[in-house]
N, C-alpha and C. Protein backbone atom coordinates (compact mmCIF):
# COMPACT_ATOMS: atom_id res chain seq x y z
N MET A 1 50.26 123.42 33.48
CA MET A 1 49.77 124.78 33.47
C MET A 1 49.97 125.36 34.88
N ASP A 2 50.47 126.55 34.95
CA ASP A 2 50.68 127.26 36.20
C ASP A 2 49.35 127.46 36.93
N ASP A 3 49.35 127.34 38.26
CA ASP A 3 48.11 127.46 39.04
C ASP A 3 47.42 128.81 38.88
N THR A 4 48.20 129.88 38.77
CA THR A 4 47.61 131.21 38.58
C THR A 4 46.91 131.30 37.23
N VAL A 5 47.54 130.77 36.20
CA VAL A 5 46.94 130.76 34.86
C VAL A 5 45.70 129.88 34.86
N LEU A 6 45.79 128.72 35.51
CA LEU A 6 44.64 127.82 35.58
C LEU A 6 43.47 128.50 36.28
N LEU A 7 43.73 129.16 37.40
CA LEU A 7 42.65 129.84 38.12
C LEU A 7 42.02 130.91 37.24
N ASP A 8 42.84 131.66 36.51
CA ASP A 8 42.32 132.68 35.61
C ASP A 8 41.44 132.05 34.53
N GLU A 9 41.88 130.95 33.95
CA GLU A 9 41.09 130.26 32.92
C GLU A 9 39.77 129.75 33.50
N LEU A 10 39.82 129.21 34.71
CA LEU A 10 38.60 128.71 35.35
C LEU A 10 37.64 129.85 35.67
N GLU A 11 38.17 130.99 36.10
CA GLU A 11 37.31 132.15 36.37
C GLU A 11 36.66 132.65 35.09
N GLN A 12 37.41 132.64 33.98
CA GLN A 12 36.83 133.03 32.69
C GLN A 12 35.72 132.07 32.27
N LEU A 13 35.97 130.79 32.47
CA LEU A 13 34.97 129.78 32.15
C LEU A 13 33.72 129.99 33.00
N ALA A 14 33.91 130.26 34.27
CA ALA A 14 32.77 130.51 35.17
C ALA A 14 31.96 131.71 34.68
N ARG A 15 32.63 132.78 34.29
CA ARG A 15 31.92 133.95 33.76
C ARG A 15 31.10 133.57 32.53
N GLY A 16 31.71 132.78 31.64
CA GLY A 16 31.01 132.34 30.44
C GLY A 16 29.79 131.49 30.74
N LEU A 17 29.84 130.77 31.87
CA LEU A 17 28.70 129.95 32.30
C LEU A 17 27.74 130.73 33.21
N GLU A 18 28.03 132.01 33.37
CA GLU A 18 27.23 132.89 34.23
C GLU A 18 27.22 132.42 35.68
N VAL A 19 28.38 131.96 36.13
CA VAL A 19 28.57 131.59 37.53
C VAL A 19 29.39 132.70 38.17
N GLU A 20 28.82 133.36 39.15
CA GLU A 20 29.54 134.40 39.88
C GLU A 20 30.46 133.74 40.89
N VAL A 21 31.75 134.07 40.83
CA VAL A 21 32.72 133.52 41.76
C VAL A 21 33.00 134.57 42.83
N ARG A 22 32.77 134.19 44.08
CA ARG A 22 33.01 135.09 45.20
C ARG A 22 34.09 134.51 46.11
N TYR A 23 35.05 135.36 46.46
CA TYR A 23 36.07 134.99 47.44
C TYR A 23 35.73 135.74 48.72
N GLU A 24 35.29 135.00 49.72
CA GLU A 24 34.81 135.57 50.97
C GLU A 24 35.29 134.73 52.14
N PRO A 25 35.25 135.30 53.36
CA PRO A 25 35.56 134.47 54.52
C PRO A 25 34.52 133.34 54.62
N ALA A 26 35.00 132.12 54.62
CA ALA A 26 34.06 130.99 54.63
C ALA A 26 34.57 129.84 55.50
N GLY A 27 35.47 130.13 56.39
CA GLY A 27 35.94 129.08 57.29
C GLY A 27 36.61 127.91 56.60
N GLY A 28 37.30 128.18 55.48
CA GLY A 28 37.98 127.11 54.76
C GLY A 28 37.09 126.32 53.83
N ARG A 29 35.84 126.71 53.72
CA ARG A 29 34.89 125.95 52.91
C ARG A 29 34.69 126.57 51.53
N VAL A 30 34.11 125.76 50.67
CA VAL A 30 33.71 126.22 49.33
C VAL A 30 32.31 125.68 49.08
N GLY A 31 31.60 126.32 48.17
CA GLY A 31 30.27 125.83 47.86
C GLY A 31 29.70 126.47 46.62
N TYR A 32 28.62 125.88 46.17
CA TYR A 32 27.92 126.35 44.97
C TYR A 32 26.44 126.38 45.29
N CYS A 33 25.79 127.47 44.90
CA CYS A 33 24.35 127.56 45.14
C CYS A 33 23.73 128.48 44.11
N ILE A 34 22.41 128.53 44.13
CA ILE A 34 21.68 129.48 43.31
C ILE A 34 21.06 130.48 44.28
N LEU A 35 21.45 131.73 44.12
CA LEU A 35 21.02 132.80 45.01
C LEU A 35 20.33 133.87 44.19
N ARG A 36 19.05 134.06 44.45
CA ARG A 36 18.26 135.04 43.69
C ARG A 36 18.38 134.81 42.18
N ASN A 37 18.21 133.56 41.79
CA ASN A 37 18.24 133.13 40.38
C ASN A 37 19.61 133.31 39.72
N LYS A 38 20.68 133.42 40.52
CA LYS A 38 22.03 133.52 39.97
C LYS A 38 22.87 132.38 40.54
N GLN A 39 23.69 131.79 39.68
CA GLN A 39 24.61 130.75 40.12
C GLN A 39 25.79 131.42 40.82
N VAL A 40 26.10 130.94 42.01
CA VAL A 40 27.18 131.54 42.80
C VAL A 40 28.11 130.45 43.32
N ALA A 41 29.40 130.66 43.14
CA ALA A 41 30.42 129.79 43.74
C ALA A 41 31.11 130.62 44.81
N VAL A 42 31.10 130.12 46.04
CA VAL A 42 31.75 130.82 47.15
C VAL A 42 32.99 130.02 47.54
N ILE A 43 34.12 130.71 47.55
CA ILE A 43 35.39 130.09 47.86
C ILE A 43 36.05 130.92 48.96
N ASP A 44 36.55 130.24 49.98
CA ASP A 44 37.18 130.95 51.09
C ASP A 44 38.36 131.78 50.59
N GLU A 45 38.36 133.05 50.96
CA GLU A 45 39.40 133.96 50.48
C GLU A 45 40.78 133.65 51.04
N ARG A 46 40.86 132.86 52.09
CA ARG A 46 42.15 132.54 52.69
C ARG A 46 42.83 131.34 52.03
N LEU A 47 42.16 130.69 51.10
CA LEU A 47 42.78 129.56 50.42
C LEU A 47 43.90 130.04 49.51
N THR A 48 44.88 129.19 49.30
CA THR A 48 45.98 129.52 48.39
C THR A 48 45.48 129.45 46.95
N ILE A 49 46.28 129.97 46.04
CA ILE A 49 45.92 129.93 44.61
C ILE A 49 45.67 128.49 44.15
N PRO A 50 46.55 127.52 44.45
CA PRO A 50 46.26 126.14 44.03
C PRO A 50 44.97 125.59 44.65
N GLN A 51 44.70 125.93 45.90
CA GLN A 51 43.47 125.47 46.55
C GLN A 51 42.25 126.13 45.92
N ARG A 52 42.34 127.40 45.58
CA ARG A 52 41.23 128.09 44.90
C ARG A 52 40.95 127.45 43.55
N ALA A 53 42.03 127.18 42.80
CA ALA A 53 41.86 126.56 41.48
C ALA A 53 41.21 125.19 41.61
N ALA A 54 41.66 124.41 42.60
CA ALA A 54 41.09 123.08 42.81
C ALA A 54 39.62 123.17 43.19
N ALA A 55 39.28 124.11 44.06
CA ALA A 55 37.89 124.27 44.50
C ALA A 55 36.99 124.68 43.34
N LEU A 56 37.45 125.66 42.56
CA LEU A 56 36.64 126.11 41.42
C LEU A 56 36.53 125.02 40.37
N ALA A 57 37.60 124.28 40.15
CA ALA A 57 37.55 123.18 39.18
C ALA A 57 36.54 122.13 39.61
N GLN A 58 36.52 121.82 40.89
CA GLN A 58 35.57 120.83 41.39
C GLN A 58 34.13 121.30 41.19
N ILE A 59 33.88 122.58 41.45
CA ILE A 59 32.54 123.13 41.26
C ILE A 59 32.15 123.09 39.79
N LEU A 60 33.03 123.58 38.92
CA LEU A 60 32.71 123.63 37.49
C LEU A 60 32.57 122.25 36.88
N ALA A 61 33.33 121.28 37.40
CA ALA A 61 33.24 119.92 36.87
C ALA A 61 31.87 119.30 37.13
N SER A 62 31.17 119.83 38.11
CA SER A 62 29.84 119.29 38.42
C SER A 62 28.75 119.87 37.53
N LEU A 63 29.09 120.87 36.72
CA LEU A 63 28.11 121.51 35.84
C LEU A 63 28.15 120.89 34.45
N ASP A 64 27.16 121.22 33.62
CA ASP A 64 27.10 120.74 32.25
C ASP A 64 28.04 121.58 31.39
N ILE A 65 29.20 121.05 31.09
CA ILE A 65 30.21 121.81 30.35
C ILE A 65 30.65 121.10 29.06
N GLU A 66 29.93 120.06 28.70
CA GLU A 66 30.33 119.27 27.52
C GLU A 66 30.45 120.11 26.25
N ASP A 67 29.51 121.01 26.01
CA ASP A 67 29.48 121.78 24.76
C ASP A 67 30.13 123.15 24.88
N VAL A 68 30.86 123.38 25.95
CA VAL A 68 31.49 124.68 26.19
C VAL A 68 32.95 124.61 25.76
N TYR A 69 33.37 125.61 24.97
CA TYR A 69 34.78 125.63 24.57
C TYR A 69 35.64 126.05 25.75
N MET A 70 36.77 125.38 25.89
CA MET A 70 37.81 125.75 26.86
C MET A 70 39.12 125.17 26.36
N PRO A 71 40.22 125.73 26.80
CA PRO A 71 41.52 125.17 26.39
C PRO A 71 41.62 123.70 26.81
N PRO A 72 42.28 122.89 26.00
CA PRO A 72 42.40 121.46 26.31
C PRO A 72 42.96 121.17 27.70
N ALA A 73 43.92 121.96 28.17
CA ALA A 73 44.49 121.72 29.50
C ALA A 73 43.46 121.93 30.59
N VAL A 74 42.58 122.89 30.40
CA VAL A 74 41.52 123.14 31.39
C VAL A 74 40.51 122.00 31.36
N ARG A 75 40.16 121.54 30.17
CA ARG A 75 39.23 120.42 30.05
C ARG A 75 39.80 119.17 30.73
N GLU A 76 41.08 118.94 30.57
CA GLU A 76 41.71 117.78 31.22
C GLU A 76 41.57 117.86 32.74
N VAL A 77 41.81 119.05 33.29
CA VAL A 77 41.69 119.23 34.75
C VAL A 77 40.26 118.96 35.19
N LEU A 78 39.29 119.54 34.48
CA LEU A 78 37.89 119.36 34.85
C LEU A 78 37.46 117.90 34.71
N GLU A 79 37.93 117.23 33.67
CA GLU A 79 37.58 115.82 33.49
C GLU A 79 38.17 114.97 34.61
N SER A 80 39.36 115.30 35.07
CA SER A 80 39.94 114.53 36.17
C SER A 80 39.12 114.71 37.44
N TYR A 81 38.62 115.92 37.69
CA TYR A 81 37.75 116.14 38.85
C TYR A 81 36.42 115.42 38.67
N ARG A 82 35.89 115.45 37.47
CA ARG A 82 34.61 114.78 37.22
C ARG A 82 34.75 113.28 37.45
N GLN A 83 35.84 112.69 36.97
CA GLN A 83 36.05 111.25 37.16
C GLN A 83 36.27 110.90 38.62
N SER A 84 36.98 111.74 39.35
CA SER A 84 37.21 111.45 40.77
C SER A 84 35.92 111.56 41.57
N CYS A 85 35.02 112.44 41.16
CA CYS A 85 33.72 112.56 41.85
C CYS A 85 32.85 111.35 41.55
N GLN A 86 32.91 110.83 40.33
CA GLN A 86 32.09 109.69 39.94
C GLN A 86 32.57 108.40 40.60
N SER A 87 33.88 108.30 40.86
CA SER A 87 34.39 107.09 41.46
C SER A 87 34.28 107.10 42.98
N SER A 88 33.90 108.23 43.56
CA SER A 88 33.76 108.31 45.03
C SER A 88 32.46 107.73 45.50
């Protein structure tokens, strides 16, 4: 799957999970927090499309997404991030 398409799919998934995705100056960092009772993912705006997709995938893989519909290719990406986090 193309990185631009993957990022779009991940952003749609985030919206469905009510996670606000923000692209802001962040010194190359990414993070997830709850701000004023809203889930927020902050991703550095200077990251490339593949880096943004990887960062958002890593954040979403840490959430409860088992019962959420997503395209199989997106689920595969998220599962690979989930497995890599568990083995670390």
